[in-house]
Each structure stands twice: as C-alpha cells, then as structure tokens.
Amino acid sequence: MQQLIGIIIVLGSVFGGFFMMGGVFHQIWQPIELFVIAGAGLGAIIIGNPRHVLAEMMTQLKKIVTRKKYDSEFQRQLLLLMYELLQLAAGGLKALDAHVEAPKDSPLFQRYPQVLEEPKLLAFIVDNFRLMAMGKINAHELEGVLEQELEAIHEELNQPAKSIAKIGEAMPGFGILAAVLGIVITMNTVSEGATSGEIAEHVGAAMVGTFIGIFLCYGVLDPIANVMKQLVNQEASNKECVKVVLVTHVAGKPPLLAIDAGRRLVPLNIKPSFAQLERWINELEGRDSEPESGSRRGGGRAKAA
C-alpha cells in the first residue's frame, strides 16, 4: 500500500504538473523512444550480470511486487524454531539429524511454514546445525566462520540492487542517446523540406527521450534499488539473529538466554519484548505463565546463568 501511494504521488506530480502547464498526452507518448531506452537498459543488465545474479534479481523483484514482509509472526516462528532446535540439541546433536537432513519433511520445521518459505535462511540454519554436529567447535571459532559466511552472502545478495542502481545511473545517458537519434531524424526532415512546425514537433518528440531517461533513473530504478537493499538488509538481520543464537548456545548458555540474544537483533519495529518471548515459549511448552511463577523461573535461570 505504501509503495502504491508513492507511485501515485510521483506520477501525479510529474504528469499532473505537465498537464497543468498546458501539455497534452500525445506530446510525451513516444513509444519508440521508450522502446530504445528500456531495451538498451535491459540489454545492459543482461550483458553486465551472470545468470545467477539475474535469477536473484528476479526473485527480489518478485518479493517487492508481492510485498513480502518480515513481520512479528515471522520473528515468532523463527525464534521458536531455534528454541526447539536448541532443546533437541541439548539431548545430543545427533537427535537433530532427522530434522536438519530433510527439513521440509520434518514435523518440527513444518510447524513454522514462514521459515520454510525462506530457502536461504533455511539452508543457513540447517547447514550450521550440521557444522555443530560434525565435531567440537568453540564459540569463537563458530562466530568467525559465521561472520565470513554472512559477509559473503550479503555481498552476493546486494549485487542485484547494485546492478539496478548502476543501470539507473545510465538511464539519462540512454535518454540522450534516444534524443540524438530523434534529432538525426529531424535533420533528415529538414533536408526534405519540412515546415518549421513539423521540425518543432520532431525536436519535441526527440527531447522526450531525455525526459524518459531521467524519469526512469530517479522515479523508477533508484527507488527499486533502494527497496531491494532494504530487503537484503532484512534478510541479513534474520541470519544475524540465527548466528547470535548459535554462538551463544555453543558458549554454554541455556536455550532461553541464547534465544534472547538473538531477539536483541530483531529490527525495532517488530522486536518482541523479553516477556513476549517468554510467553511464546510458555505457550509452546504448555506451561502456565502466571507472573509470580514466571518471576521464579526467570530468577532461577538468571542464577544458573
């Protein structure tokens, strides 16, 4: 809804202002100019990016169109999934094999469908539980491995946004290219004896190419690249949450404290409180969550920690 409102404001301001100044639609409707500029931009994207970057670009654009968001329900499912996995790991990491080897067939993972819908996050979770099960690894070593992995993932996922931004910067140049082609055609009409009115019409049509290039740069591609960056940052925060949970667990902390460490990295607008997290866990385990008994449990955990 927010993106739709923004699109309406941009289109209404630009084209509404044009019409208010006495412009008419056919003056700016130049489909050939649009074809030249958009086609050149699309071709440049294909030339400048490998196939896997193009595939990721399409995936991120689809998420923008479908308005994929990570809300409080997604965070609840992620935190509770990690809590259940840590509870299983407390009885020995081998107990996790049946779940991490085929997460989509696991009844544990199936209780958290929103996490299952995120293949990159799911792969990050199961791969690192496998890593922990393969042998002894301390918290410092695990943190170093995960930081390097997250840095590589973040760099790769940011490549589509960088490519879109780069092509956006080139759009005014493609607009000038279309305008120059229009001027060439105008000069040909001059040699054929065109009237001053016809020449002016051809020049105006050619200048629309410059307008289209600038509009696509600042009104379309730059905002899209910005939204893609924000989407990648949101995905990165989910993986950072998982990383902190795993590192805290390997450091020897109880599952609740490990999950709370991950909770602290959730974006502020959807970040649950510790009381909310504890209530979710109490509901998961079917425990009574009276304040008095909850405070005793919390005190006991603090003392154990």
Protein backbone atom coordinates (compact mmCIF):
# COMPACT_ATOMS: atom_id res chain seq x y z
CA MET A 1 0.00 0.00 0.00
CA GLN A 2 2.80 2.40 0.89
CA GLN A 3 4.60 1.75 -2.42
CA LEU A 4 1.33 2.28 -4.32
CA ILE A 5 0.80 5.64 -2.62
CA GLY A 6 4.36 6.64 -3.52
CA ILE A 7 3.84 5.67 -7.18
CA ILE A 8 0.62 7.72 -7.32
CA ILE A 9 2.39 10.75 -5.83
CA VAL A 10 5.30 10.53 -8.29
CA LEU A 11 3.09 10.07 -11.36
CA GLY A 12 0.58 12.67 -10.21
CA SER A 13 3.26 15.27 -9.50
CA VAL A 14 5.21 14.80 -12.74
CA PHE A 15 2.46 14.26 -15.27
CA GLY A 16 -0.13 16.30 -13.39
CA GLY A 17 2.20 19.27 -13.44
CA PHE A 18 2.82 18.75 -17.15
CA PHE A 19 -0.89 18.79 -17.94
CA MET A 20 -1.47 21.81 -15.68
CA MET A 21 1.08 23.73 -17.75
CA GLY A 22 -0.96 23.03 -20.88
CA GLY A 23 0.74 19.88 -22.09
CA VAL A 24 -1.18 17.17 -23.90
CA PHE A 25 -0.72 13.42 -23.72
CA HIS A 26 0.39 12.75 -27.30
CA GLN A 27 3.36 15.12 -26.84
CA ILE A 28 5.00 12.81 -24.31
CA TRP A 29 3.69 9.48 -25.57
CA GLN A 30 6.67 8.35 -27.65
CA PRO A 31 6.67 4.52 -27.57
CA ILE A 32 9.68 4.24 -29.89
CA GLU A 33 11.79 6.39 -27.57
CA LEU A 34 10.66 4.27 -24.62
CA PHE A 35 11.49 1.10 -26.55
CA VAL A 36 15.02 2.36 -27.32
CA ILE A 37 15.76 3.42 -23.73
CA ALA A 38 14.17 0.48 -21.89
CA GLY A 39 15.57 -2.03 -24.38
CA ALA A 40 19.09 -0.64 -24.09
CA GLY A 41 18.83 -0.72 -20.28
CA LEU A 42 17.57 -4.30 -20.24
CA GLY A 43 20.31 -5.40 -22.62
CA ALA A 44 22.95 -3.72 -20.47
CA ILE A 45 21.67 -5.57 -17.39
CA ILE A 46 21.88 -8.89 -19.22
CA ILE A 47 25.38 -8.14 -20.55
CA GLY A 48 26.73 -6.96 -17.20
CA ASN A 49 25.47 -9.73 -14.89
CA PRO A 50 25.92 -13.51 -14.73
CA ARG A 51 22.87 -15.74 -14.82
CA HIS A 52 22.67 -16.37 -11.06
CA VAL A 53 22.62 -12.62 -10.36
CA LEU A 54 19.80 -12.17 -12.88
CA ALA A 55 17.87 -15.01 -11.21
CA GLU A 56 18.33 -13.42 -7.78
CA MET A 57 17.28 -10.06 -9.23
CA MET A 58 14.01 -11.58 -10.44
CA THR A 59 13.46 -13.20 -7.04
CA GLN A 60 13.93 -9.91 -5.22
CA LEU A 61 11.71 -8.02 -7.68
CA LYS A 62 9.00 -10.65 -7.13
CA LYS A 63 9.23 -10.11 -3.37
CA ILE A 64 8.83 -6.36 -3.91
CA VAL A 65 5.76 -6.85 -6.11
CA THR A 66 4.16 -9.34 -3.70
CA ARG A 67 5.13 -7.04 -0.79
CA LYS A 68 6.92 -9.79 1.12
CA LYS A 69 7.46 -8.58 4.70
CA TYR A 70 9.07 -9.97 7.80
CA ASP A 71 6.51 -9.20 10.48
CA SER A 72 6.22 -10.13 14.16
CA GLU A 73 4.68 -13.50 13.27
CA PHE A 74 7.71 -14.38 11.17
CA GLN A 75 10.02 -13.46 14.05
CA ARG A 76 7.92 -15.55 16.43
CA GLN A 77 8.24 -18.58 14.18
CA LEU A 78 11.99 -18.08 13.70
CA LEU A 79 12.73 -17.69 17.42
CA LEU A 80 10.55 -20.62 18.45
CA LEU A 81 12.07 -22.83 15.75
CA MET A 82 15.55 -22.02 17.05
CA TYR A 83 14.39 -22.69 20.61
CA GLU A 84 13.03 -26.13 19.69
CA LEU A 85 16.21 -27.00 17.81
CA LEU A 86 18.35 -25.98 20.78
CA GLN A 87 16.17 -28.05 23.09
CA LEU A 88 16.76 -31.06 20.86
CA ALA A 89 20.48 -30.29 20.68
CA ALA A 90 20.66 -30.37 24.48
CA GLY A 91 19.99 -34.10 24.28
CA GLY A 92 22.79 -34.54 21.76
CA LEU A 93 23.31 -33.06 18.32
CA LYS A 94 22.64 -36.45 16.73
CA ALA A 95 18.99 -36.01 17.70
CA LEU A 96 18.84 -33.23 15.10
CA ASP A 97 19.89 -35.38 12.16
CA ALA A 98 16.38 -36.40 11.12
CA HIS A 99 15.29 -32.76 11.11
CA VAL A 100 18.22 -30.95 9.50
CA GLU A 101 18.79 -33.54 6.79
CA ALA A 102 15.26 -33.12 5.39
CA PRO A 103 13.75 -30.01 6.97
CA LYS A 104 10.76 -29.85 4.63
CA ASP A 105 9.74 -33.36 5.73
CA SER A 106 10.36 -32.66 9.41
CA PRO A 107 7.23 -32.15 11.56
CA LEU A 108 9.26 -29.73 13.68
CA PHE A 109 10.05 -27.45 10.74
CA GLN A 110 6.54 -27.85 9.33
CA ARG A 111 5.18 -26.08 12.40
CA TYR A 112 6.94 -22.95 11.15
CA PRO A 113 5.83 -22.53 7.50
CA GLN A 114 7.06 -18.93 7.12
CA VAL A 115 10.63 -20.04 7.81
CA LEU A 116 10.25 -22.94 5.37
CA GLU A 117 9.31 -20.39 2.70
CA GLU A 118 12.75 -18.75 3.03
CA PRO A 119 15.18 -21.17 1.32
CA LYS A 120 18.33 -19.15 2.00
CA LEU A 121 17.56 -18.72 5.70
CA LEU A 122 16.55 -22.37 5.99
CA ALA A 123 19.79 -23.51 4.36
CA PHE A 124 21.78 -21.26 6.71
CA ILE A 125 20.08 -22.81 9.76
CA VAL A 126 20.43 -26.48 8.79
CA ASP A 127 23.98 -26.12 7.44
CA ASN A 128 25.25 -24.64 10.67
CA PHE A 129 23.50 -27.20 12.85
CA ARG A 130 25.23 -29.81 10.70
CA LEU A 131 28.51 -27.97 11.30
CA MET A 132 27.96 -28.11 15.05
CA ALA A 133 27.13 -31.83 14.85
CA MET A 134 30.26 -32.68 12.86
CA GLY A 135 32.68 -32.03 15.66
CA LYS A 136 33.85 -29.90 18.56
CA ILE A 137 33.85 -26.19 17.78
CA ASN A 138 34.08 -23.38 20.29
CA ALA A 139 32.09 -20.16 20.27
CA HIS A 140 34.96 -18.02 18.98
CA GLU A 141 35.66 -20.34 16.04
CA LEU A 142 31.96 -20.61 15.16
CA GLU A 143 31.50 -16.84 15.29
CA GLY A 144 34.43 -16.31 12.92
CA VAL A 145 33.11 -18.88 10.44
CA LEU A 146 29.60 -17.43 10.50
CA GLU A 147 30.77 -13.83 10.13
CA GLN A 148 32.73 -14.72 7.00
CA GLU A 149 29.77 -16.66 5.59
CA LEU A 150 27.32 -13.83 6.28
CA GLU A 151 29.65 -11.29 4.71
CA ALA A 152 29.88 -13.39 1.53
CA ILE A 153 26.09 -13.94 1.43
CA HIS A 154 25.36 -10.26 1.98
CA GLU A 155 27.74 -9.19 -0.77
CA GLU A 156 26.20 -11.62 -3.26
CA LEU A 157 22.60 -10.70 -2.39
CA ASN A 158 23.40 -6.99 -2.73
CA GLN A 159 24.67 -7.42 -6.29
CA PRO A 160 21.22 -7.17 -7.95
CA ALA A 161 20.50 -3.86 -6.18
CA LYS A 162 23.91 -2.53 -7.22
CA SER A 163 23.23 -3.54 -10.83
CA ILE A 164 19.81 -1.88 -10.83
CA ALA A 165 21.32 1.29 -9.33
CA LYS A 166 24.11 1.26 -11.94
CA ILE A 167 21.65 0.94 -14.81
CA GLY A 168 19.55 3.67 -13.21
CA GLU A 169 22.55 5.99 -13.35
CA ALA A 170 22.92 5.12 -17.05
CA MET A 171 19.28 5.85 -17.91
CA PRO A 172 19.82 9.61 -18.55
CA GLY A 173 22.61 8.63 -20.95
CA PHE A 174 20.30 6.22 -22.78
CA GLY A 175 17.75 9.04 -22.87
CA ILE A 176 20.27 11.31 -24.53
CA LEU A 177 21.05 8.51 -26.98
CA ALA A 178 17.36 8.30 -27.95
CA ALA A 179 17.18 12.10 -28.20
CA VAL A 180 20.20 12.19 -30.54
CA LEU A 181 18.57 9.59 -32.78
CA GLY A 182 15.46 11.76 -32.84
CA ILE A 183 17.50 14.83 -33.81
CA VAL A 184 19.13 12.85 -36.63
CA ILE A 185 15.68 12.02 -37.97
CA THR A 186 14.66 15.68 -37.59
CA MET A 187 17.65 16.81 -39.65
CA ASN A 188 16.58 14.41 -42.38
CA THR A 189 13.13 16.01 -42.45
CA VAL A 190 14.78 19.44 -42.79
CA SER A 191 16.60 18.27 -45.90
CA GLU A 192 13.27 17.05 -47.25
CA GLY A 193 11.72 20.49 -46.85
CA ALA A 194 9.78 20.10 -43.58
CA THR A 195 7.98 23.15 -42.26
CA SER A 196 9.02 24.88 -39.04
CA GLY A 197 6.01 23.37 -37.25
CA GLU A 198 6.98 19.84 -38.28
CA ILE A 199 10.58 20.44 -37.24
CA ALA A 200 9.45 21.71 -33.83
CA GLU A 201 7.25 18.65 -33.38
CA HIS A 202 10.13 16.30 -34.22
CA VAL A 203 12.51 18.14 -31.86
CA GLY A 204 9.94 17.98 -29.05
CA ALA A 205 9.49 14.24 -29.61
CA ALA A 206 13.27 13.76 -29.52
CA MET A 207 13.57 15.67 -26.22
CA VAL A 208 11.04 13.30 -24.66
CA GLY A 209 13.80 10.69 -24.75
CA THR A 210 15.85 12.75 -22.30
CA PHE A 211 12.79 13.11 -20.07
CA ILE A 212 12.13 9.35 -20.11
CA GLY A 213 15.74 8.55 -19.21
CA ILE A 214 15.79 10.94 -16.25
CA PHE A 215 12.36 9.80 -15.06
CA LEU A 216 13.33 6.11 -15.18
CA CYS A 217 16.52 6.88 -13.27
CA TYR A 218 15.14 8.90 -10.35
CA GLY A 219 11.48 7.90 -10.40
CA VAL A 220 11.70 4.14 -11.02
CA LEU A 221 15.06 2.37 -10.86
CA ASP A 222 16.64 4.28 -7.96
CA PRO A 223 13.65 3.61 -5.63
CA ILE A 224 13.59 -0.05 -6.72
CA ALA A 225 17.30 -0.44 -5.93
CA ASN A 226 16.74 1.15 -2.53
CA VAL A 227 13.87 -1.22 -1.69
CA MET A 228 15.99 -4.19 -2.78
CA LYS A 229 18.80 -3.08 -0.45
CA GLN A 230 16.36 -2.82 2.44
CA LEU A 231 15.00 -6.29 1.64
CA VAL A 232 18.51 -7.75 1.66
CA ASN A 233 19.26 -6.00 4.97
CA GLN A 234 16.10 -7.51 6.49
CA GLU A 235 17.16 -10.97 5.34
CA ALA A 236 20.64 -10.33 6.75
CA SER A 237 19.18 -9.39 10.14
CA ASN A 238 17.37 -12.76 10.26
CA LYS A 239 20.61 -14.60 9.59
CA GLU A 240 22.44 -12.44 12.16
CA CYS A 241 19.77 -13.43 14.68
CA VAL A 242 20.41 -17.12 13.95
CA LYS A 243 24.18 -16.58 14.17
CA VAL A 244 23.98 -14.98 17.61
CA VAL A 245 21.67 -17.75 18.87
CA LEU A 246 24.09 -20.45 17.73
CA VAL A 247 27.20 -18.72 19.07
CA THR A 248 25.54 -18.09 22.44
CA HIS A 249 24.42 -21.72 22.61
CA VAL A 250 27.91 -23.03 21.82
CA ALA A 251 29.26 -20.71 24.54
CA GLY A 252 27.26 -22.80 27.03
CA LYS A 253 24.27 -20.58 27.73
CA PRO A 254 20.77 -22.04 28.31
CA PRO A 255 18.38 -22.10 25.33
CA LEU A 256 16.27 -19.22 26.63
CA LEU A 257 19.28 -16.93 27.00
CA ALA A 258 20.54 -17.94 23.56
CA ILE A 259 17.15 -17.12 22.02
CA ASP A 260 17.03 -13.81 23.89
CA ALA A 261 20.45 -12.91 22.49
CA GLY A 262 19.03 -13.42 19.00
CA ARG A 263 15.88 -11.46 19.86
CA ARG A 264 18.01 -8.38 20.51
CA LEU A 265 19.00 -8.27 16.82
CA VAL A 266 15.40 -8.20 15.54
CA PRO A 267 14.52 -4.83 13.92
CA LEU A 268 12.98 -2.43 16.43
CA ASN A 269 9.63 -2.10 14.67
CA ILE A 270 8.89 -5.84 15.10
CA LYS A 271 11.15 -6.67 18.05
CA PRO A 272 9.31 -8.64 20.76
CA SER A 273 9.94 -7.90 24.40
CA PHE A 274 11.56 -10.49 26.63
CA ALA A 275 8.21 -11.01 28.35
CA GLN A 276 6.58 -11.66 24.98
CA LEU A 277 9.31 -14.13 24.06
CA GLU A 278 8.89 -15.95 27.35
CA ARG A 279 5.12 -16.06 26.85
CA TRP A 280 5.61 -17.62 23.40
CA ILE A 281 7.87 -20.27 24.89
CA ASN A 282 5.46 -20.94 27.75
CA GLU A 283 2.64 -21.41 25.25
CA LEU A 284 4.87 -23.70 23.19
CA GLU A 285 5.63 -25.88 26.19
CA GLY A 286 2.07 -25.70 27.53
CA ARG A 287 3.21 -24.14 30.80
CA ASP A 288 1.25 -21.75 32.95
CA SER A 289 2.63 -18.20 32.62
CA GLU A 290 1.50 -16.58 35.87
CA PRO A 291 3.67 -13.56 36.78
CA GLU A 292 4.71 -14.99 40.14
CA SER A 293 5.78 -18.39 38.87
CA GLY A 294 7.32 -16.72 35.80
CA SER A 295 9.44 -14.48 38.02
CA ARG A 296 10.63 -17.52 39.98
CA ARG A 297 11.57 -19.29 36.76
CA GLY A 298 13.34 -16.20 35.48
CA GLY A 299 15.24 -15.84 38.75
CA GLY A 300 16.30 -19.45 38.66
CA ARG A 301 17.56 -19.10 35.12
CA ALA A 302 19.45 -15.93 35.94
CA LYS A 303 21.12 -17.65 38.86
CA ALA A 304 22.01 -20.67 36.73
CA ALA A 305 23.39 -18.39 34.04
